[in-house]
PDB file of N, CA and C in Angstrom:
ATOM      1  N   MET A   1     180.402 -61.192 -80.796  1.00  0.00           N
ATOM      2  CA  MET A   1     179.565 -61.173 -79.943  1.00  0.00           C
ATOM      3  C   MET A   1     179.013 -62.611 -79.337  1.00  0.00           C
ATOM      4  N   GLU A   2     178.996 -62.603 -77.991  1.00  0.00           N
ATOM      5  CA  GLU A   2     178.777 -63.306 -76.664  1.00  0.00           C
ATOM      6  C   GLU A   2     177.609 -64.171 -77.041  1.00  0.00           C
ATOM      7  N   GLY A   3     177.547 -65.571 -77.362  1.00  0.00           N
ATOM      8  CA  GLY A   3     176.523 -66.218 -77.767  1.00  0.00           C
ATOM      9  C   GLY A   3     175.925 -66.391 -78.970  1.00  0.00           C
ATOM     10  N   THR A   4     176.788 -65.917 -80.029  1.00  0.00           N
ATOM     11  CA  THR A   4     177.066 -66.334 -81.303  1.00  0.00           C
ATOM     12  C   THR A   4     178.067 -67.264 -81.991  1.00  0.00           C
ATOM     13  N   ARG A   5     177.745 -67.667 -83.251  1.00  0.00           N
ATOM     14  CA  ARG A   5     178.689 -68.656 -83.992  1.00  0.00           C
ATOM     15  C   ARG A   5     178.507 -68.728 -85.144  1.00  0.00           C
ATOM     16  N   LEU A   6     179.572 -69.031 -85.811  1.00  0.00           N
ATOM     17  CA  LEU A   6     179.201 -69.473 -87.357  1.00  0.00           C
ATOM     18  C   LEU A   6     179.424 -70.963 -87.589  1.00  0.00           C
ATOM     19  N   ILE A   7     178.928 -71.526 -88.063  1.00  0.00           N
ATOM     20  CA  ILE A   7     178.949 -73.065 -88.675  1.00  0.00           C
ATOM     21  C   ILE A   7     179.455 -73.329 -90.322  1.00  0.00           C
ATOM     22  N   LEU A   8     180.891 -73.676 -90.312  1.00  0.00           N
ATOM     23  CA  LEU A   8     180.699 -73.448 -91.806  1.00  0.00           C
ATOM     24  C   LEU A   8     180.664 -75.110 -92.371  1.00  0.00           C
ATOM     25  N   ASN A   9     180.571 -74.959 -93.400  1.00  0.00           N
ATOM     26  CA  ASN A   9     179.829 -76.226 -94.505  1.00  0.00           C
ATOM     27  C   ASN A   9     180.785 -77.477 -93.851  1.00  0.00           C
ATOM     28  N   ASP A  10     182.282 -77.639 -93.541  1.00  0.00           N
ATOM     29  CA  ASP A  10     182.887 -78.309 -93.514  1.00  0.00           C
ATOM     30  C   ASP A  10     182.973 -78.943 -91.752  1.00  0.00           C
ATOM     31  N   GLY A  11     182.126 -78.425 -91.165  1.00  0.00           N
ATOM     32  CA  GLY A  11     181.409 -78.499 -89.879  1.00  0.00           C
ATOM     33  C   GLY A  11     182.494 -77.626 -88.976  1.00  0.00           C
ATOM     34  N   ALA A  12     183.478 -76.863 -89.381  1.00  0.00           N
ATOM     35  CA  ALA A  12     184.374 -75.851 -88.202  1.00  0.00           C
ATOM     36  C   ALA A  12     183.302 -75.036 -87.767  1.00  0.00           C
ATOM     37  N   VAL A  13     183.638 -74.692 -86.378  1.00  0.00           N
ATOM     38  CA  VAL A  13     182.724 -73.614 -85.901  1.00  0.00           C
ATOM     39  C   VAL A  13     183.565 -72.450 -85.345  1.00  0.00           C
ATOM     40  N   ILE A  14     182.977 -71.240 -85.381  1.00  0.00           N
ATOM     41  CA  ILE A  14     183.718 -70.167 -84.900  1.00  0.00           C
ATOM     42  C   ILE A  14     183.079 -69.360 -84.136  1.00  0.00           C
ATOM     43  N   GLU A  15     183.408 -69.761 -82.564  1.00  0.00           N
ATOM     44  CA  GLU A  15     182.374 -68.971 -81.633  1.00  0.00           C
ATOM     45  C   GLU A  15     182.583 -67.581 -81.644  1.00  0.00           C
ATOM     46  N   GLY A  16     181.897 -66.900 -81.431  1.00  0.00           N
ATOM     47  CA  GLY A  16     181.530 -65.096 -81.671  1.00  0.00           C
ATOM     48  C   GLY A  16     181.369 -64.747 -82.947  1.00  0.00           C
ATOM     49  N   GLY A  17     181.596 -65.709 -83.680  1.00  0.00           N
ATOM     50  CA  GLY A  17     181.467 -65.102 -85.324  1.00  0.00           C
ATOM     51  C   GLY A  17     180.050 -64.732 -85.241  1.00  0.00           C
ATOM     52  N   GLN A  18     179.816 -64.152 -86.446  1.00  0.00           N
ATOM     53  CA  GLN A  18     178.550 -63.490 -87.060  1.00  0.00           C
ATOM     54  C   GLN A  18     178.534 -63.161 -88.376  1.00  0.00           C
ATOM     55  N   ALA A  19     177.331 -63.354 -88.930  1.00  0.00           N
ATOM     56  CA  ALA A  19     176.914 -63.046 -89.957  1.00  0.00           C
ATOM     57  C   ALA A  19     175.763 -62.228 -90.452  1.00  0.00           C
ATOM     58  N   GLY A  20     175.891 -61.859 -91.921  1.00  0.00           N
ATOM     59  CA  GLY A  20     174.924 -60.589 -92.187  1.00  0.00           C
ATOM     60  C   GLY A  20     174.508 -60.564 -93.858  1.00  0.00           C
ATOM     61  N   LEU A  21     173.393 -60.448 -94.099  1.00  0.00           N
ATOM     62  CA  LEU A  21     173.130 -60.319 -95.575  1.00  0.00           C
ATOM     63  C   LEU A  21     172.736 -58.883 -95.720  1.00  0.00           C
ATOM     64  N   SER A  22     173.593 -58.173 -96.907  1.00  0.00           N
ATOM     65  CA  SER A  22     173.070 -57.096 -97.097  1.00  0.00           C
ATOM     66  C   SER A  22     173.203 -56.664 -98.508  1.00  0.00           C
ATOM     67  N   GLU A  23     172.267 -56.663 -99.290  1.00  0.00           N
ATOM     68  CA  GLU A  23     171.971 -56.104-100.629  1.00  0.00           C
ATOM     69  C   GLU A  23     172.761 -57.326-101.357  1.00  0.00           C
ATOM     70  N   GLY A  24     172.985 -58.334-101.257  1.00  0.00           N
ATOM     71  CA  GLY A  24     173.443 -59.360-101.556  1.00  0.00           C
ATOM     72  C   GLY A  24     174.739 -59.929-101.481  1.00  0.00           C
ATOM     73  N   PHE A  25     174.911 -59.138-100.542  1.00  0.00           N
ATOM     74  CA  PHE A  25     176.448 -59.374-100.132  1.00  0.00           C
ATOM     75  C   PHE A  25     176.712 -60.266 -98.591  1.00  0.00           C
ATOM     76  N   LEU A  26     177.256 -61.060 -98.599  1.00  0.00           N
ATOM     77  CA  LEU A  26     176.774 -61.694 -97.094  1.00  0.00           C
ATOM     78  C   LEU A  26     178.388 -61.430 -96.342  1.00  0.00           C
ATOM     79  N   TRP A  27     178.137 -60.782 -95.183  1.00  0.00           N
ATOM     80  CA  TRP A  27     179.302 -60.227 -94.322  1.00  0.00           C
ATOM     81  C   TRP A  27     179.319 -61.477 -93.334  1.00  0.00           C
ATOM     82  N   LEU A  28     180.612 -61.849 -93.166  1.00  0.00           N
ATOM     83  CA  LEU A  28     181.085 -62.639 -92.187  1.00  0.00           C
ATOM     84  C   LEU A  28     182.059 -61.960 -91.014  1.00  0.00           C
ATOM     85  N   TYR A  29     182.097 -61.746 -89.768  1.00  0.00           N
ATOM     86  CA  TYR A  29     182.780 -61.228 -88.915  1.00  0.00           C
ATOM     87  C   TYR A  29     183.227 -62.532 -87.819  1.00  0.00           C
ATOM     88  N   LEU A  30     184.611 -62.099 -87.740  1.00  0.00           N
ATOM     89  CA  LEU A  30     185.453 -63.479 -87.453  1.00  0.00           C
ATOM     90  C   LEU A  30     186.510 -62.604 -86.479  1.00  0.00           C
ATOM     91  N   PRO A  31     185.897 -62.705 -84.983  1.00  0.00           N
ATOM     92  CA  PRO A  31     186.763 -62.102 -84.103  1.00  0.00           C
ATOM     93  C   PRO A  31     187.795 -62.945 -83.796  1.00  0.00           C
ATOM     94  N   GLY A  32     189.354 -62.360 -83.461  1.00  0.00           N
ATOM     95  CA  GLY A  32     190.407 -63.023 -83.130  1.00  0.00           C
ATOM     96  C   GLY A  32     190.972 -64.018 -84.225  1.00  0.00           C
ATOM     97  N   MET A  33     190.809 -63.552 -85.217  1.00  0.00           N
ATOM     98  CA  MET A  33     191.336 -64.195 -86.614  1.00  0.00           C
ATOM     99  C   MET A  33     192.017 -63.200 -87.112  1.00  0.00           C
ATOM    100  N   THR A  34     193.141 -63.757 -87.923  1.00  0.00           N
ATOM    101  CA  THR A  34     193.964 -63.036 -88.279  1.00  0.00           C
ATOM    102  C   THR A  34     193.835 -63.108 -90.121  1.00  0.00           C
ATOM    103  N   MET A  35     194.166 -62.095 -90.936  1.00  0.00           N
ATOM    104  CA  MET A  35     193.745 -61.987 -92.098  1.00  0.00           C
ATOM    105  C   MET A  35     193.906 -63.161 -92.748  1.00  0.00           C
ATOM    106  N   GLN A  36     195.440 -63.884 -92.532  1.00  0.00           N
ATOM    107  CA  GLN A  36     195.893 -65.224 -93.235  1.00  0.00           C
ATOM    108  C   GLN A  36     194.464 -66.462 -92.851  1.00  0.00           C
ATOM    109  N   GLU A  37     194.201 -66.366 -91.675  1.00  0.00           N
ATOM    110  CA  GLU A  37     193.116 -67.160 -91.431  1.00  0.00           C
ATOM    111  C   GLU A  37     191.678 -67.154 -91.987  1.00  0.00           C
ATOM    112  N   ALA A  38     191.769 -65.834 -91.678  1.00  0.00           N
ATOM    113  CA  ALA A  38     190.235 -65.211 -92.468  1.00  0.00           C
ATOM    114  C   ALA A  38     190.285 -65.867 -94.394  1.00  0.00           C
ATOM    115  N   ALA A  39     191.641 -65.705 -94.647  1.00  0.00           N
ATOM    116  CA  ALA A  39     191.627 -65.714 -95.910  1.00  0.00           C
ATOM    117  C   ALA A  39     191.358 -67.149 -96.257  1.00  0.00           C
ATOM    118  N   ALA A  40     192.016 -68.143 -95.659  1.00  0.00           N
ATOM    119  CA  ALA A  40     192.243 -69.337 -95.736  1.00  0.00           C
ATOM    120  C   ALA A  40     190.768 -69.928 -95.841  1.00  0.00           C
ATOM    121  N   ILE A  41     190.032 -69.175 -95.141  1.00  0.00           N
ATOM    122  CA  ILE A  41     188.111 -69.456 -94.894  1.00  0.00           C
ATOM    123  C   ILE A  41     187.768 -69.132 -96.104  1.00  0.00           C
ATOM    124  N   ALA A  42     187.756 -67.613 -96.332  1.00  0.00           N
ATOM    125  CA  ALA A  42     187.244 -66.778 -97.578  1.00  0.00           C
ATOM    126  C   ALA A  42     187.477 -67.767 -98.949  1.00  0.00           C
ATOM    127  N   PHE A  43     188.691 -68.170 -99.060  1.00  0.00           N
ATOM    128  CA  PHE A  43     188.619 -68.711-100.501  1.00  0.00           C
ATOM    129  C   PHE A  43     188.889 -70.492-100.538  1.00  0.00           C
ATOM    130  N   ASP A  44     188.150 -70.855 -99.322  1.00  0.00           N
ATOM    131  CA  ASP A  44     187.802 -72.574 -99.737  1.00  0.00           C
ATOM    132  C   ASP A  44     186.221 -72.391 -99.582  1.00  0.00           C
ATOM    133  N   THR A  45     185.969 -72.553-101.034  1.00  0.00           N
ATOM    134  CA  THR A  45     184.632 -72.962-101.192  1.00  0.00           C
ATOM    135  C   THR A  45     184.148 -74.100-100.734  1.00  0.00           C
ATOM    136  N   ASN A  46     184.376 -74.881-100.407  1.00  0.00           N
ATOM    137  CA  ASN A  46     184.025 -76.193 -99.657  1.00  0.00           C
ATOM    138  C   ASN A  46     183.406 -75.740 -98.092  1.00  0.00           C
ATOM    139  N   LYS A  47     184.224 -74.448 -97.367  1.00  0.00           N
ATOM    140  CA  LYS A  47     183.799 -73.735 -96.211  1.00  0.00           C
ATOM    141  C   LYS A  47     182.768 -73.498 -96.200  1.00  0.00           C
ATOM    142  N   THR A  48     182.735 -72.403 -97.779  1.00  0.00           N
ATOM    143  CA  THR A  48     181.952 -71.056 -97.485  1.00  0.00           C
ATOM    144  C   THR A  48     180.416 -71.569 -98.110  1.00  0.00           C
ATOM    145  N   LYS A  49     180.257 -72.740 -98.910  1.00  0.00           N
ATOM    146  CA  LYS A  49     179.219 -72.907 -99.875  1.00  0.00           C
ATOM    147  C   LYS A  49     177.844 -73.108 -99.208  1.00  0.00           C
ATOM    148  N   ARG A  50     178.071 -73.353 -97.786  1.00  0.00           N
ATOM    149  CA  ARG A  50     176.787 -73.392 -96.613  1.00  0.00           C
ATOM    150  C   ARG A  50     177.601 -73.006 -95.174  1.00  0.00           C
ATOM    151  N   ILE A  51     176.668 -72.027 -94.989  1.00  0.00           N
ATOM    152  CA  ILE A  51     177.078 -71.315 -93.504  1.00  0.00           C
ATOM    153  C   ILE A  51     176.180 -71.237 -92.377  1.00  0.00           C
ATOM    154  N   TRP A  52     176.146 -71.816 -91.095  1.00  0.00           N
ATOM    155  CA  TRP A  52     174.697 -71.298 -90.395  1.00  0.00           C
ATOM    156  C   TRP A  52     175.125 -70.531 -89.370  1.00  0.00           C
ATOM    157  N   PHE A  53     174.304 -69.386 -89.181  1.00  0.00           N
ATOM    158  CA  PHE A  53     175.079 -68.663 -88.024  1.00  0.00           C
ATOM    159  C   PHE A  53     173.661 -68.661 -87.352  1.00  0.00           C
ATOM    160  N   GLN A  54     174.470 -68.900 -85.694  1.00  0.00           N
ATOM    161  CA  GLN A  54     173.297 -69.426 -84.662  1.00  0.00           C
ATOM    162  C   GLN A  54     173.664 -68.223 -83.787  1.00  0.00           C
ATOM    163  N   PHE A  55     172.536 -67.597 -83.381  1.00  0.00           N
ATOM    164  CA  PHE A  55     172.241 -66.518 -82.683  1.00  0.00           C
ATOM    165  C   PHE A  55     170.926 -66.549 -81.232  1.00  0.00           C
ATOM    166  N   GLY A  56     171.648 -67.224 -80.067  1.00  0.00           N
ATOM    167  CA  GLY A  56     170.513 -67.282 -79.045  1.00  0.00           C
ATOM    168  C   GLY A  56     169.848 -68.970 -79.495  1.00  0.00           C
ATOM    169  N   GLU A  57     168.733 -68.779 -79.639  1.00  0.00           N
ATOM    170  CA  GLU A  57     167.479 -69.701 -80.067  1.00  0.00           C
ATOM    171  C   GLU A  57     167.303 -69.538 -81.708  1.00  0.00           C
ATOM    172  N   GLU A  58     168.019 -68.565 -82.254  1.00  0.00           N
ATOM    173  CA  GLU A  58     167.625 -68.412 -83.561  1.00  0.00           C
ATOM    174  C   GLU A  58     168.739 -68.742 -84.355  1.00  0.00           C
ATOM    175  N   GLU A  59     168.792 -69.383 -85.820  1.00  0.00           N
ATOM    176  CA  GLU A  59     169.747 -69.739 -86.493  1.00  0.00           C
ATOM    177  C   GLU A  59     169.405 -69.392 -88.165  1.00  0.00           C
ATOM    178  N   ALA A  60     170.319 -68.906 -88.916  1.00  0.00           N
ATOM    179  CA  ALA A  60     170.028 -68.493 -90.174  1.00  0.00           C
ATOM    180  C   ALA A  60     171.276 -69.112 -91.495  1.00  0.00           C
ATOM    181  N   GLU A  61     170.680 -69.683 -92.317  1.00  0.00           N
ATOM    182  CA  GLU A  61     171.513 -70.440 -93.056  1.00  0.00           C
ATOM    183  C   GLU A  61     171.579 -69.653 -94.284  1.00  0.00           C
ATOM    184  N   TYR A  62     172.661 -69.450 -95.082  1.00  0.00           N
ATOM    185  CA  TYR A  62     173.363 -68.917 -96.419  1.00  0.00           C
ATOM    186  C   TYR A  62     173.759 -69.955 -96.728  1.00  0.00           C
ATOM    187  N   ALA A  63     173.448 -70.008 -98.262  1.00  0.00           N
ATOM    188  CA  ALA A  63     174.131 -70.857 -99.418  1.00  0.00           C
ATOM    189  C   ALA A  63     174.471 -70.879-100.396  1.00  0.00           C
ATOM    190  N   GLY A  64     175.291 -71.198-101.064  1.00  0.00           N
ATOM    191  CA  GLY A  64     176.199 -70.424-102.351  1.00  0.00           C
ATOM    192  C   GLY A  64     177.023 -69.636-102.733  1.00  0.00           C
ATOM    193  N   TYR A  65     177.341 -68.965-101.085  1.00  0.00           N
ATOM    194  CA  TYR A  65     178.204 -67.413-101.182  1.00  0.00           C
ATOM    195  C   TYR A  65     179.389 -68.043-101.183  1.00  0.00           C
ATOM    196  N   THR A  66     180.294 -68.244-102.347  1.00  0.00           N
ATOM    197  CA  THR A  66     181.564 -68.601-102.288  1.00  0.00           C
ATOM    198  C   THR A  66     182.306 -68.013-103.136  1.00  0.00           C
ATOM    199  N   ASN A  67     182.234 -66.772-103.678  1.00  0.00           N
ATOM    200  CA  ASN A  67     183.087 -65.672-104.056  1.00  0.00           C
ATOM    201  C   ASN A  67     183.396 -64.526-103.329  1.00  0.00           C
ATOM    202  N   CYS A  68     184.750 -64.721-102.654  1.00  0.00           N
ATOM    203  CA  CYS A  68     184.859 -63.668-101.839  1.00  0.00           C
ATOM    204  C   CYS A  68     185.517 -62.376-102.480  1.00  0.00           C
ATOM    205  N   THR A  69     185.378 -61.175-102.026  1.00  0.00           N
ATOM    206  CA  THR A  69     185.349 -59.732-102.993  1.00  0.00           C
ATOM    207  C   THR A  69     186.237 -59.011-102.060  1.00  0.00           C
ATOM    208  N   ARG A  70     185.993 -59.187-100.911  1.00  0.00           N
ATOM    209  CA  ARG A  70     186.653 -58.317 -99.450  1.00  0.00           C
ATOM    210  C   ARG A  70     186.947 -58.944 -98.413  1.00  0.00           C
ATOM    211  N   ILE A  71     188.153 -58.394 -97.993  1.00  0.00           N
ATOM    212  CA  ILE A  71     188.768 -59.113 -96.440  1.00  0.00           C
ATOM    213  C   ILE A  71     189.161 -58.035 -96.003  1.00  0.00           C
ATOM    214  N   MET A  72     188.764 -57.302 -94.625  1.00  0.00           N
ATOM    215  CA  MET A  72     189.272 -56.341 -93.961  1.00  0.00           C
ATOM    216  C   MET A  72     189.436 -56.475 -92.443  1.00  0.00           C
ATOM    217  N   GLU A  73     190.612 -55.790 -91.810  1.00  0.00           N
ATOM    218  CA  GLU A  73     190.608 -55.944 -90.649  1.00  0.00           C
ATOM    219  C   GLU A  73     190.140 -54.492 -90.033  1.00  0.00           C
ATOM    220  N   ASN A  74     189.258 -55.050 -88.816  1.00  0.00           N
ATOM    221  CA  ASN A  74     188.398 -54.175 -88.000  1.00  0.00           C
ATOM    222  C   ASN A  74     188.967 -54.190 -86.605  1.00  0.00           C
ATOM    223  N   GLY A  75     190.012 -53.572 -86.152  1.00  0.00           N
ATOM    224  CA  GLY A  75     190.700 -53.870 -84.831  1.00  0.00           C
ATOM    225  C   GLY A  75     190.726 -55.473 -84.249  1.00  0.00           C
ATOM    226  N   ALA A  76     189.594 -55.803 -83.550  1.00  0.00           N
ATOM    227  CA  ALA A  76     190.070 -57.206 -82.871  1.00  0.00           C
ATOM    228  C   ALA A  76     189.244 -58.045 -84.080  1.00  0.00           C
ATOM    229  N   GLU A  77     188.777 -57.727 -84.986  1.00  0.00           N
ATOM    230  CA  GLU A  77     188.122 -58.863 -85.818  1.00  0.00           C
ATOM    231  C   GLU A  77     188.367 -59.148 -87.353  1.00  0.00           C
ATOM    232  N   VAL A  78     188.079 -59.625 -88.210  1.00  0.00           N
ATOM    233  CA  VAL A  78     188.155 -59.456 -89.691  1.00  0.00           C
ATOM    234  C   VAL A  78     187.171 -59.652 -90.111  1.00  0.00           C
ATOM    235  N   SER A  79     186.941 -58.892 -91.183  1.00  0.00           N
ATOM    236  CA  SER A  79     185.370 -58.695 -91.951  1.00  0.00           C
ATOM    237  C   SER A  79     185.610 -59.651 -93.492  1.00  0.00           C
ATOM    238  N   VAL A  80     185.106 -60.268 -93.876  1.00  0.00           N
ATOM    239  CA  VAL A  80     184.998 -61.335 -95.145  1.00  0.00           C
ATOM    240  C   VAL A  80     183.589 -60.713 -95.781  1.00  0.00           C
ATOM    241  N   CYS A  81     183.756 -60.408 -97.027  1.00  0.00           N
ATOM    242  CA  CYS A  81     182.284 -60.334 -97.903  1.00  0.00           C
ATOM    243  C   CYS A  81     182.528 -61.234 -98.690  1.00  0.00           C
ATOM    244  N   LEU A  82     181.210 -61.851 -98.786  1.00  0.00           N
ATOM    245  CA  LEU A  82     181.161 -62.775 -99.977  1.00  0.00           C
ATOM    246  C   LEU A  82     180.062 -62.500-100.759  1.00  0.00           C
ATOM    247  N   THR A  83     180.008 -63.091-101.830  1.00  0.00           N
ATOM    248  CA  THR A  83     178.984 -62.888-102.832  1.00  0.00           C
ATOM    249  C   THR A  83     178.618 -64.416-103.408  1.00  0.00           C
ATOM    250  N   ARG A  84     177.565 -64.621-104.171  1.00  0.00           N
ATOM    251  CA  ARG A  84     176.939 -66.057-104.512  1.00  0.00           C
ATOM    252  C   ARG A  84     178.124 -66.379-105.535  1.00  0.00           C
ATOM    253  N   GLY A  85     178.445 -67.657-105.993  1.00  0.00           N
ATOM    254  CA  GLY A  85     179.565 -67.774-106.898  1.00  0.00           C
ATOM    255  C   GLY A  85     178.734 -68.337-108.255  1.00  0.00           C
TER     256      GLY A  85
END
């Protein structure tokens, strides 16, 4: 989505990335990434222990989501599911 971005704990920025929390599962949506690139993020707890999702003037912060439970390819984006570690 245009105008959104994820900022990972290590400072990496994913333009167009999105995050959403549903029933204790944090979903990351990573446009333009391969499964391998997404897995490198999902399994690096230094990257996922704190994530900021910026959208417009708003920001959501997610902390402690370090356990990857699922990685899926959805057309032009990869979805990652994280739970608290």
